[in-house]
C-alpha atoms as a PDB file:
ATOM      1  CA  MET A   1      27.902-141.852 -74.114  1.00  0.00           C
ATOM      2  CA  PRO A   2      27.966-145.277 -72.713  1.00  0.00           C
ATOM      3  CA  SER A   3      31.068-146.561 -71.081  1.00  0.00           C
ATOM      4  CA  SER A   4      33.237-148.805 -73.195  1.00  0.00           C
ATOM      5  CA  ASP A   5      34.238-150.536 -69.632  1.00  0.00           C
ATOM      6  CA  PRO A   6      32.843-154.209 -69.812  1.00  0.00           C
ATOM      7  CA  THR A   7      33.528-154.794 -66.147  1.00  0.00           C
ATOM      8  CA  PRO A   8      30.513-155.623 -64.192  1.00  0.00           C
ATOM      9  CA  THR A   9      29.650-153.186 -61.566  1.00  0.00           C
ATOM     10  CA  ASP A  10      28.568-154.692 -58.410  1.00  0.00           C
ATOM     11  CA  ASP A  11      30.874-156.890 -56.469  1.00  0.00           C
ATOM     12  CA  LYS A  12      29.299-160.365 -56.605  1.00  0.00           C
ATOM     13  CA  THR A  13      29.293-160.436 -60.328  1.00  0.00           C
ATOM     14  CA  ARG A  14      33.245-159.106 -60.384  1.00  0.00           C
ATOM     15  CA  ILE A  15      34.239-161.884 -57.773  1.00  0.00           C
ATOM     16  CA  GLU A  16      32.217-164.216 -60.201  1.00  0.00           C
ATOM     17  CA  LEU A  17      33.889-163.116 -63.074  1.00  0.00           C
ATOM     18  CA  TYR A  18      37.311-162.836 -61.346  1.00  0.00           C
ATOM     19  CA  GLN A  19      37.060-166.377 -60.199  1.00  0.00           C
ATOM     20  CA  HIS A  20      36.006-167.864 -63.871  1.00  0.00           C
ATOM     21  CA  LEU A  21      39.199-165.998 -65.059  1.00  0.00           C
ATOM     22  CA  VAL A  22      41.443-167.396 -62.779  1.00  0.00           C
ATOM     23  CA  ILE A  23      39.918-171.102 -63.611  1.00  0.00           C
ATOM     24  CA  GLU A  24      40.335-170.471 -67.114  1.00  0.00           C
ATOM     25  CA  TYR A  25      43.706-169.116 -66.701  1.00  0.00           C
ATOM     26  CA  GLU A  26      45.007-172.273 -64.713  1.00  0.00           C
ATOM     27  CA  LYS A  27      43.306-174.429 -67.679  1.00  0.00           C
ATOM     28  CA  LEU A  28      45.257-172.683 -70.404  1.00  0.00           C
ATOM     29  CA  ASP A  29      48.446-172.877 -68.446  1.00  0.00           C
ATOM     30  CA  GLU A  30      47.958-176.680 -67.963  1.00  0.00           C
ATOM     31  CA  GLN A  31      47.420-176.860 -71.789  1.00  0.00           C
ATOM     32  CA  ILE A  32      50.799-175.218 -72.169  1.00  0.00           C
ATOM     33  CA  ASP A  33      52.597-177.240 -69.615  1.00  0.00           C
ATOM     34  CA  ALA A  34      51.269-180.673 -71.438  1.00  0.00           C
ATOM     35  CA  LEU A  35      52.416-179.126 -74.729  1.00  0.00           C
ATOM     36  CA  LEU A  36      55.753-178.251 -73.494  1.00  0.00           C
ATOM     37  CA  MET A  37      55.977-181.825 -71.827  1.00  0.00           C
ATOM     38  CA  ARG A  38      55.517-183.431 -74.976  1.00  0.00           C
ATOM     39  CA  ASN A  39      58.281-181.570 -76.718  1.00  0.00           C
ATOM     40  CA  ASN A  40      60.994-182.009 -73.895  1.00  0.00           C
ATOM     41  CA  GLY A  41      60.192-178.888 -71.920  1.00  0.00           C
ATOM     42  CA  HIS A  42      60.698-176.507 -74.137  1.00  0.00           C
ATOM     43  CA  THR A  43      59.841-175.034 -78.115  1.00  0.00           C
ATOM     44  CA  GLU A  44      63.213-175.518 -79.410  1.00  0.00           C
ATOM     45  CA  GLY A  45      62.442-178.233 -82.147  1.00  0.00           C
ATOM     46  CA  MET A  46      58.852-178.182 -81.600  1.00  0.00           C
ATOM     47  CA  PRO A  47      56.642-179.367 -84.766  1.00  0.00           C
ATOM     48  CA  ASP A  48      55.387-176.035 -86.418  1.00  0.00           C
ATOM     49  CA  ALA A  49      51.561-177.447 -85.615  1.00  0.00           C
ATOM     50  CA  ASP A  50      52.568-177.794 -81.853  1.00  0.00           C
ATOM     51  CA  TYR A  51      54.437-174.252 -81.589  1.00  0.00           C
ATOM     52  CA  ARG A  52      51.401-172.703 -83.370  1.00  0.00           C
ATOM     53  CA  ALA A  53      49.094-174.332 -80.703  1.00  0.00           C
ATOM     54  CA  TYR A  54      51.494-173.068 -78.080  1.00  0.00           C
ATOM     55  CA  ARG A  55      51.640-169.617 -79.043  1.00  0.00           C
ATOM     56  CA  GLU A  56      47.865-169.431 -79.288  1.00  0.00           C
ATOM     57  CA  LEU A  57      47.394-170.976 -75.916  1.00  0.00           C
ATOM     58  CA  ALA A  58      50.273-168.531 -74.823  1.00  0.00           C
ATOM     59  CA  GLU A  59      48.483-165.493 -76.195  1.00  0.00           C
ATOM     60  CA  ARG A  60      45.057-166.306 -74.683  1.00  0.00           C
ATOM     61  CA  ARG A  61      46.439-166.854 -71.275  1.00  0.00           C
ATOM     62  CA  ASP A  62      48.128-163.678 -71.442  1.00  0.00           C
ATOM     63  CA  GLU A  63      45.096-161.764 -72.253  1.00  0.00           C
ATOM     64  CA  VAL A  64      42.865-163.729 -69.594  1.00  0.00           C
ATOM     65  CA  HIS A  65      46.146-162.643 -67.334  1.00  0.00           C
ATOM     66  CA  ASN A  66      45.354-158.979 -68.502  1.00  0.00           C
ATOM     67  CA  GLN A  67      41.648-158.999 -67.431  1.00  0.00           C
ATOM     68  CA  ILE A  68      42.496-160.429 -64.245  1.00  0.00           C
ATOM     69  CA  GLN A  69      44.923-157.628 -63.504  1.00  0.00           C
ATOM     70  CA  ALA A  70      42.509-154.969 -64.566  1.00  0.00           C
ATOM     71  CA  LEU A  71      39.493-156.659 -62.374  1.00  0.00           C
ATOM     72  CA  GLU A  72      41.959-156.822 -59.407  1.00  0.00           C
ATOM     73  CA  ASN A  73      42.752-153.257 -59.962  1.00  0.00           C
ATOM     74  CA  LYS A  74      38.775-152.643 -60.105  1.00  0.00           C
ATOM     75  CA  LEU A  75      38.193-154.504 -57.160  1.00  0.00           C
ATOM     76  CA  LEU A  76      40.981-152.777 -54.836  1.00  0.00           C
ATOM     77  CA  ASP A  77      40.092-149.471 -56.258  1.00  0.00           C
ATOM     78  CA  ASP A  78      36.606-150.081 -54.986  1.00  0.00           C
ATOM     79  CA  GLU A  79      37.914-150.656 -51.635  1.00  0.00           C
ATOM     80  CA  LYS A  80      39.259-147.469 -50.925  1.00  0.00           C
END
């Protein structure tokens, strides 16, 4: 039965994926910051469309963060 873990097995590919994920995380974070700054730095009173965009960006950023952490754990486990 094939493994359901989509993480690449070689270190070079894992590091490239890690770098890609970090860049994606930073871009999402910048988009969230820009959206917050357009709305006085917080979500209170934010128009509905902006709030939906904020939540979607934040959820995607959280997903990417989780992928980064999982990949870090794999990389660190391989060093043992």
